[in-house]
Amino acid sequence: MNKKTIIKNIAAIVLNLFIFLNVTIILIGKPKSFETYTVLSNIFLAITSLATALNIMIKFKKEPPINIAVAILKYSSIVTILITYLTVIIYLDPIWKGINFSNTRMLFFHHINPLVALLTYLFLENRPKFSFKFFFVGMVPIVTYGIVYFVNILGFNNWRDFYHLLVDGSPIPALLIFIFAAFLLSIGIYFLRNLIGKKRSVE
């Protein structure tokens, strides 16, 4: 194992633990809103980040150090958290009229964690390749949450439409948009990661 690989592994461990710790600390401080996609996607990311960090620590000198199951789940969490990031930037930011960066959870959950997770996944984590057929795993969380969200709003009336997704009382347009976005992100992240991996192996 060369020095460059060692540095990347250490950086990947540190950044993955950073995500896990900040999500844990923020949720302990304000343990609420567990019905929101933002919180759930960050919890999913925190769990897969911890699993990735532990995997690298345990198998530090192996090539690659990340288990295939952990790699697939981490890939899914990256797609999931990017939906959070893009939804805020493209859709919710105009509604909210700007992001309140003084709000710690808003800053970390909507911006810092998605970007740190994406960059760590693309450039630092040395994970095994997995078949393209697993790209659908990236879509599972958003599809599942979308169904639960609209069922609770329209069926059980337990939740308010806090994401303003109903269009003339119908959930179909928003649900289709988010499924399509998850589809594009799943394919995009899959091929982008493999492209970066190929360039790295040539160096």
C-alpha atoms as a PDB file:
ATOM      1  CA  MET A   1       0.000   0.000   0.000  1.00  0.00           C
ATOM      2  CA  ASN A   2       1.522   3.315  -1.091  1.00  0.00           C
ATOM      3  CA  LYS A   3       1.520   6.572   0.863  1.00  0.00           C
ATOM      4  CA  LYS A   4      -1.189   8.146  -1.310  1.00  0.00           C
ATOM      5  CA  THR A   5      -3.605   5.291  -0.608  1.00  0.00           C
ATOM      6  CA  ILE A   6      -2.907   5.463   3.129  1.00  0.00           C
ATOM      7  CA  ILE A   7      -3.660   9.200   3.182  1.00  0.00           C
ATOM      8  CA  LYS A   8      -6.904   8.677   1.237  1.00  0.00           C
ATOM      9  CA  ASN A   9      -8.014   5.907   3.585  1.00  0.00           C
ATOM     10  CA  ILE A  10      -7.329   8.052   6.650  1.00  0.00           C
ATOM     11  CA  ALA A  11      -9.153  11.024   5.100  1.00  0.00           C
ATOM     12  CA  ALA A  12     -12.125   8.787   4.228  1.00  0.00           C
ATOM     13  CA  ILE A  13     -12.290   7.514   7.819  1.00  0.00           C
ATOM     14  CA  VAL A  14     -12.136  11.036   9.279  1.00  0.00           C
ATOM     15  CA  LEU A  15     -14.773  12.510   6.963  1.00  0.00           C
ATOM     16  CA  ASN A  16     -17.163   9.577   7.350  1.00  0.00           C
ATOM     17  CA  LEU A  17     -16.890   9.801  11.132  1.00  0.00           C
ATOM     18  CA  PHE A  18     -17.402  13.561  10.868  1.00  0.00           C
ATOM     19  CA  ILE A  19     -20.755  12.968   9.154  1.00  0.00           C
ATOM     20  CA  PHE A  20     -21.808  10.313  11.669  1.00  0.00           C
ATOM     21  CA  LEU A  21     -20.875  12.450  14.664  1.00  0.00           C
ATOM     22  CA  ASN A  22     -22.474  15.701  13.514  1.00  0.00           C
ATOM     23  CA  VAL A  23     -25.760  13.942  12.667  1.00  0.00           C
ATOM     24  CA  THR A  24     -25.753  12.177  16.040  1.00  0.00           C
ATOM     25  CA  ILE A  25     -24.949  15.347  18.013  1.00  0.00           C
ATOM     26  CA  ILE A  26     -27.549  17.460  16.183  1.00  0.00           C
ATOM     27  CA  LEU A  27     -30.296  14.856  16.649  1.00  0.00           C
ATOM     28  CA  ILE A  28     -29.480  14.397  20.333  1.00  0.00           C
ATOM     29  CA  GLY A  29     -29.775  18.155  20.751  1.00  0.00           C
ATOM     30  CA  LYS A  30     -33.075  18.353  18.842  1.00  0.00           C
ATOM     31  CA  PRO A  31     -34.657  14.887  18.667  1.00  0.00           C
ATOM     32  CA  LYS A  32     -37.679  15.749  16.546  1.00  0.00           C
ATOM     33  CA  SER A  33     -39.041  15.890  12.987  1.00  0.00           C
ATOM     34  CA  PHE A  34     -38.215  12.254  12.273  1.00  0.00           C
ATOM     35  CA  GLU A  35     -40.962  12.251   9.648  1.00  0.00           C
ATOM     36  CA  THR A  36     -39.015  14.612   7.360  1.00  0.00           C
ATOM     37  CA  TYR A  37     -36.995  13.306   4.436  1.00  0.00           C
ATOM     38  CA  THR A  38     -34.098  15.574   5.379  1.00  0.00           C
ATOM     39  CA  VAL A  39     -33.669  13.994   8.804  1.00  0.00           C
ATOM     40  CA  LEU A  40     -34.210  10.432   7.593  1.00  0.00           C
ATOM     41  CA  SER A  41     -31.790  10.819   4.674  1.00  0.00           C
ATOM     42  CA  ASN A  42     -29.122  12.191   7.029  1.00  0.00           C
ATOM     43  CA  ILE A  43     -29.678   9.311   9.464  1.00  0.00           C
ATOM     44  CA  PHE A  44     -29.295   6.833   6.581  1.00  0.00           C
ATOM     45  CA  LEU A  45     -26.130   8.629   5.477  1.00  0.00           C
ATOM     46  CA  ALA A  46     -24.769   8.646   9.048  1.00  0.00           C
ATOM     47  CA  ILE A  47     -25.288   4.879   9.395  1.00  0.00           C
ATOM     48  CA  THR A  48     -23.614   4.058   6.078  1.00  0.00           C
ATOM     49  CA  SER A  49     -20.802   6.526   6.831  1.00  0.00           C
ATOM     50  CA  LEU A  50     -20.100   4.807  10.150  1.00  0.00           C
ATOM     51  CA  ALA A  51     -20.196   1.395   8.455  1.00  0.00           C
ATOM     52  CA  THR A  52     -17.785   2.642   5.785  1.00  0.00           C
ATOM     53  CA  ALA A  53     -15.355   4.127   8.321  1.00  0.00           C
ATOM     54  CA  LEU A  54     -15.360   0.921  10.393  1.00  0.00           C
ATOM     55  CA  ASN A  55     -14.895  -1.166   7.248  1.00  0.00           C
ATOM     56  CA  ILE A  56     -11.837   0.823   6.220  1.00  0.00           C
ATOM     57  CA  MET A  57     -10.366   0.711   9.731  1.00  0.00           C
ATOM     58  CA  ILE A  58     -10.814  -3.060  10.035  1.00  0.00           C
ATOM     59  CA  LYS A  59      -9.562  -3.828   6.524  1.00  0.00           C
ATOM     60  CA  PHE A  60      -7.138  -0.925   6.223  1.00  0.00           C
ATOM     61  CA  LYS A  61      -4.416  -2.832   4.349  1.00  0.00           C
ATOM     62  CA  LYS A  62      -6.724  -4.830   2.087  1.00  0.00           C
ATOM     63  CA  GLU A  63      -7.595  -3.856  -1.487  1.00  0.00           C
ATOM     64  CA  PRO A  64     -10.307  -2.631  -1.635  1.00  0.00           C
ATOM     65  CA  PRO A  65     -11.066  -2.221   2.087  1.00  0.00           C
ATOM     66  CA  ILE A  66     -14.833  -1.681   1.737  1.00  0.00           C
ATOM     67  CA  ASN A  67     -17.264  -4.618   1.724  1.00  0.00           C
ATOM     68  CA  ILE A  68     -19.545  -4.893  -1.344  1.00  0.00           C
ATOM     69  CA  ALA A  69     -22.752  -4.693   0.735  1.00  0.00           C
ATOM     70  CA  VAL A  70     -21.517  -1.574   2.542  1.00  0.00           C
ATOM     71  CA  ALA A  71     -20.477  -0.044  -0.793  1.00  0.00           C
ATOM     72  CA  ILE A  72     -23.951  -0.549  -2.285  1.00  0.00           C
ATOM     73  CA  LEU A  73     -25.708   0.899   0.770  1.00  0.00           C
ATOM     74  CA  LYS A  74     -23.340   3.882   0.806  1.00  0.00           C
ATOM     75  CA  TYR A  75     -24.088   4.472  -2.875  1.00  0.00           C
ATOM     76  CA  SER A  76     -27.811   4.447  -2.059  1.00  0.00           C
ATOM     77  CA  SER A  77     -27.311   6.927   0.786  1.00  0.00           C
ATOM     78  CA  ILE A  78     -25.365   9.272  -1.532  1.00  0.00           C
ATOM     79  CA  VAL A  79     -28.246   9.369  -4.020  1.00  0.00           C
ATOM     80  CA  THR A  80     -30.690   9.829  -1.133  1.00  0.00           C
ATOM     81  CA  ILE A  81     -28.813  12.755   0.430  1.00  0.00           C
ATOM     82  CA  LEU A  82     -28.297  14.462  -2.936  1.00  0.00           C
ATOM     83  CA  ILE A  83     -32.074  14.497  -3.410  1.00  0.00           C
ATOM     84  CA  THR A  84     -32.180  16.471  -0.143  1.00  0.00           C
ATOM     85  CA  TYR A  85     -29.511  18.897  -1.354  1.00  0.00           C
ATOM     86  CA  LEU A  86     -30.982  19.486  -4.801  1.00  0.00           C
ATOM     87  CA  THR A  87     -34.550  19.804  -3.497  1.00  0.00           C
ATOM     88  CA  VAL A  88     -33.454  22.598  -1.158  1.00  0.00           C
ATOM     89  CA  ILE A  89     -31.337  24.394  -3.746  1.00  0.00           C
ATOM     90  CA  ILE A  90     -33.756  24.164  -6.673  1.00  0.00           C
ATOM     91  CA  TYR A  91     -37.204  23.980  -5.088  1.00  0.00           C
ATOM     92  CA  LEU A  92     -37.407  24.908  -1.403  1.00  0.00           C
ATOM     93  CA  ASP A  93     -34.919  27.769  -1.296  1.00  0.00           C
ATOM     94  CA  PRO A  94     -37.189  30.062  -3.382  1.00  0.00           C
ATOM     95  CA  ILE A  95     -40.164  29.112  -1.193  1.00  0.00           C
ATOM     96  CA  TRP A  96     -38.248  29.721   2.033  1.00  0.00           C
ATOM     97  CA  LYS A  97     -36.695  32.883   0.522  1.00  0.00           C
ATOM     98  CA  GLY A  98     -33.149  31.904   1.416  1.00  0.00           C
ATOM     99  CA  ILE A  99     -31.486  29.363   3.666  1.00  0.00           C
ATOM    100  CA  ASN A 100     -30.997  30.254   7.317  1.00  0.00           C
ATOM    101  CA  PHE A 101     -27.321  29.390   7.774  1.00  0.00           C
ATOM    102  CA  SER A 102     -27.491  30.312  11.463  1.00  0.00           C
ATOM    103  CA  ASN A 103     -29.575  27.156  11.907  1.00  0.00           C
ATOM    104  CA  THR A 104     -26.984  24.406  12.541  1.00  0.00           C
ATOM    105  CA  ARG A 105     -29.192  21.547  11.434  1.00  0.00           C
ATOM    106  CA  MET A 106     -30.192  23.384   8.266  1.00  0.00           C
ATOM    107  CA  LEU A 107     -26.564  24.079   7.391  1.00  0.00           C
ATOM    108  CA  PHE A 108     -25.219  20.574   8.056  1.00  0.00           C
ATOM    109  CA  PHE A 109     -28.191  18.489   6.925  1.00  0.00           C
ATOM    110  CA  HIS A 110     -28.931  20.430   3.740  1.00  0.00           C
ATOM    111  CA  HIS A 111     -25.480  21.510   2.583  1.00  0.00           C
ATOM    112  CA  ILE A 112     -22.342  20.342   4.381  1.00  0.00           C
ATOM    113  CA  ASN A 113     -23.194  16.655   4.770  1.00  0.00           C
ATOM    114  CA  PRO A 114     -24.385  16.120   1.162  1.00  0.00           C
ATOM    115  CA  LEU A 115     -21.288  17.774  -0.305  1.00  0.00           C
ATOM    116  CA  VAL A 116     -18.797  16.112   2.066  1.00  0.00           C
ATOM    117  CA  ALA A 117     -20.432  12.726   1.476  1.00  0.00           C
ATOM    118  CA  LEU A 118     -20.370  13.100  -2.319  1.00  0.00           C
ATOM    119  CA  LEU A 119     -16.741  14.235  -2.519  1.00  0.00           C
ATOM    120  CA  THR A 120     -15.597  11.545  -0.081  1.00  0.00           C
ATOM    121  CA  TYR A 121     -17.462   8.863  -2.025  1.00  0.00           C
ATOM    122  CA  LEU A 122     -16.138   9.950  -5.408  1.00  0.00           C
ATOM    123  CA  PHE A 123     -12.502  10.694  -4.590  1.00  0.00           C
ATOM    124  CA  LEU A 124     -11.473   8.977  -1.340  1.00  0.00           C
ATOM    125  CA  GLU A 125     -13.375   5.752  -0.788  1.00  0.00           C
ATOM    126  CA  ASN A 126     -11.696   2.772  -2.430  1.00  0.00           C
ATOM    127  CA  ARG A 127     -14.718   0.528  -2.844  1.00  0.00           C
ATOM    128  CA  PRO A 128     -15.274  -2.589  -4.954  1.00  0.00           C
ATOM    129  CA  LYS A 129     -17.120  -2.308  -8.265  1.00  0.00           C
ATOM    130  CA  PHE A 130     -20.675  -3.594  -8.350  1.00  0.00           C
ATOM    131  CA  SER A 131     -22.959  -4.460 -11.242  1.00  0.00           C
ATOM    132  CA  PHE A 132     -25.058  -1.799 -12.969  1.00  0.00           C
ATOM    133  CA  LYS A 133     -28.175  -3.779 -12.044  1.00  0.00           C
ATOM    134  CA  PHE A 134     -27.763  -2.444  -8.482  1.00  0.00           C
ATOM    135  CA  PHE A 135     -28.317   1.154  -9.611  1.00  0.00           C
ATOM    136  CA  PHE A 136     -32.010   0.783  -8.660  1.00  0.00           C
ATOM    137  CA  VAL A 137     -30.951   0.540  -5.000  1.00  0.00           C
ATOM    138  CA  GLY A 138     -30.302   4.276  -5.132  1.00  0.00           C
ATOM    139  CA  MET A 139     -33.978   4.861  -5.958  1.00  0.00           C
ATOM    140  CA  VAL A 140     -35.484   2.734  -3.174  1.00  0.00           C
ATOM    141  CA  PRO A 141     -35.363   5.323  -0.323  1.00  0.00           C
ATOM    142  CA  ILE A 142     -36.950   8.194  -2.282  1.00  0.00           C
ATOM    143  CA  VAL A 143     -39.682   5.982  -3.770  1.00  0.00           C
ATOM    144  CA  THR A 144     -40.447   4.487  -0.364  1.00  0.00           C
ATOM    145  CA  TYR A 145     -40.512   7.862   1.370  1.00  0.00           C
ATOM    146  CA  GLY A 146     -42.610   9.408  -1.397  1.00  0.00           C
ATOM    147  CA  ILE A 147     -45.288   6.747  -1.004  1.00  0.00           C
ATOM    148  CA  VAL A 148     -45.287   7.028   2.805  1.00  0.00           C
ATOM    149  CA  TYR A 149     -45.366  10.839   2.637  1.00  0.00           C
ATOM    150  CA  PHE A 150     -48.385  11.059   0.367  1.00  0.00           C
ATOM    151  CA  VAL A 151     -50.247   8.213   2.076  1.00  0.00           C
ATOM    152  CA  ASN A 152     -49.898  10.031   5.408  1.00  0.00           C
ATOM    153  CA  ILE A 153     -51.011  13.355   3.917  1.00  0.00           C
ATOM    154  CA  LEU A 154     -53.927  12.085   1.855  1.00  0.00           C
ATOM    155  CA  GLY A 155     -54.890   8.885   3.611  1.00  0.00           C
ATOM    156  CA  PHE A 156     -54.310   9.218   7.332  1.00  0.00           C
ATOM    157  CA  ASN A 157     -53.969  13.014   7.613  1.00  0.00           C
ATOM    158  CA  ASN A 158     -51.169  12.596  10.149  1.00  0.00           C
ATOM    159  CA  TRP A 159     -48.754  14.906   8.356  1.00  0.00           C
ATOM    160  CA  ARG A 160     -49.037  18.339   6.841  1.00  0.00           C
ATOM    161  CA  ASP A 161     -47.643  18.929   3.360  1.00  0.00           C
ATOM    162  CA  PHE A 162     -44.473  20.537   4.716  1.00  0.00           C
ATOM    163  CA  TYR A 163     -42.680  20.164   1.371  1.00  0.00           C
ATOM    164  CA  HIS A 164     -45.520  21.810  -0.594  1.00  0.00           C
ATOM    165  CA  LEU A 165     -45.664  18.930  -3.073  1.00  0.00           C
ATOM    166  CA  LEU A 166     -49.379  18.602  -3.730  1.00  0.00           C
ATOM    167  CA  VAL A 167     -50.390  20.012  -7.111  1.00  0.00           C
ATOM    168  CA  ASP A 168     -54.137  20.737  -7.201  1.00  0.00           C
ATOM    169  CA  GLY A 169     -54.545  18.109  -4.515  1.00  0.00           C
ATOM    170  CA  SER A 170     -52.690  15.442  -6.495  1.00  0.00           C
ATOM    171  CA  PRO A 171     -49.372  13.849  -5.430  1.00  0.00           C
ATOM    172  CA  ILE A 172     -48.679  12.232  -8.801  1.00  0.00           C
ATOM    173  CA  PRO A 173     -46.685  15.048 -10.542  1.00  0.00           C
ATOM    174  CA  ALA A 174     -44.315  15.586  -7.585  1.00  0.00           C
ATOM    175  CA  LEU A 175     -43.861  11.854  -6.983  1.00  0.00           C
ATOM    176  CA  LEU A 176     -43.006  11.249 -10.642  1.00  0.00           C
ATOM    177  CA  ILE A 177     -40.527  14.146 -10.645  1.00  0.00           C
ATOM    178  CA  PHE A 178     -38.704  12.844  -7.568  1.00  0.00           C
ATOM    179  CA  ILE A 179     -38.622   9.282  -8.890  1.00  0.00           C
ATOM    180  CA  PHE A 180     -37.207  10.557 -12.184  1.00  0.00           C
ATOM    181  CA  ALA A 181     -34.640  12.681 -10.318  1.00  0.00           C
ATOM    182  CA  ALA A 182     -33.610   9.656  -8.243  1.00  0.00           C
ATOM    183  CA  PHE A 183     -33.319   7.627 -11.457  1.00  0.00           C
ATOM    184  CA  LEU A 184     -31.018  10.200 -13.077  1.00  0.00           C
ATOM    185  CA  LEU A 185     -28.906  10.618  -9.937  1.00  0.00           C
ATOM    186  CA  SER A 186     -28.567   6.848  -9.465  1.00  0.00           C
ATOM    187  CA  ILE A 187     -27.277   6.370 -13.003  1.00  0.00           C
ATOM    188  CA  GLY A 188     -25.153   9.540 -12.920  1.00  0.00           C
ATOM    189  CA  ILE A 189     -23.410   8.751  -9.637  1.00  0.00           C
ATOM    190  CA  TYR A 190     -22.843   5.123 -10.690  1.00  0.00           C
ATOM    191  CA  PHE A 191     -21.072   6.050 -13.950  1.00  0.00           C
ATOM    192  CA  LEU A 192     -19.264   9.077 -12.520  1.00  0.00           C
ATOM    193  CA  ARG A 193     -17.764   6.990  -9.714  1.00  0.00           C
ATOM    194  CA  ASN A 194     -16.665   4.288 -12.140  1.00  0.00           C
ATOM    195  CA  LEU A 195     -15.170   6.895 -14.483  1.00  0.00           C
ATOM    196  CA  ILE A 196     -13.150   8.442 -11.656  1.00  0.00           C
ATOM    197  CA  GLY A 197     -12.129   4.950 -10.537  1.00  0.00           C
ATOM    198  CA  LYS A 198     -10.823   4.121 -14.026  1.00  0.00           C
ATOM    199  CA  LYS A 199      -8.792   7.347 -14.204  1.00  0.00           C
ATOM    200  CA  ARG A 200      -7.324   6.595 -10.784  1.00  0.00           C
ATOM    201  CA  SER A 201      -6.263   3.100 -11.843  1.00  0.00           C
ATOM    202  CA  VAL A 202      -4.473   4.530 -14.900  1.00  0.00           C
ATOM    203  CA  GLU A 203      -2.424   6.968 -12.820  1.00  0.00           C
END
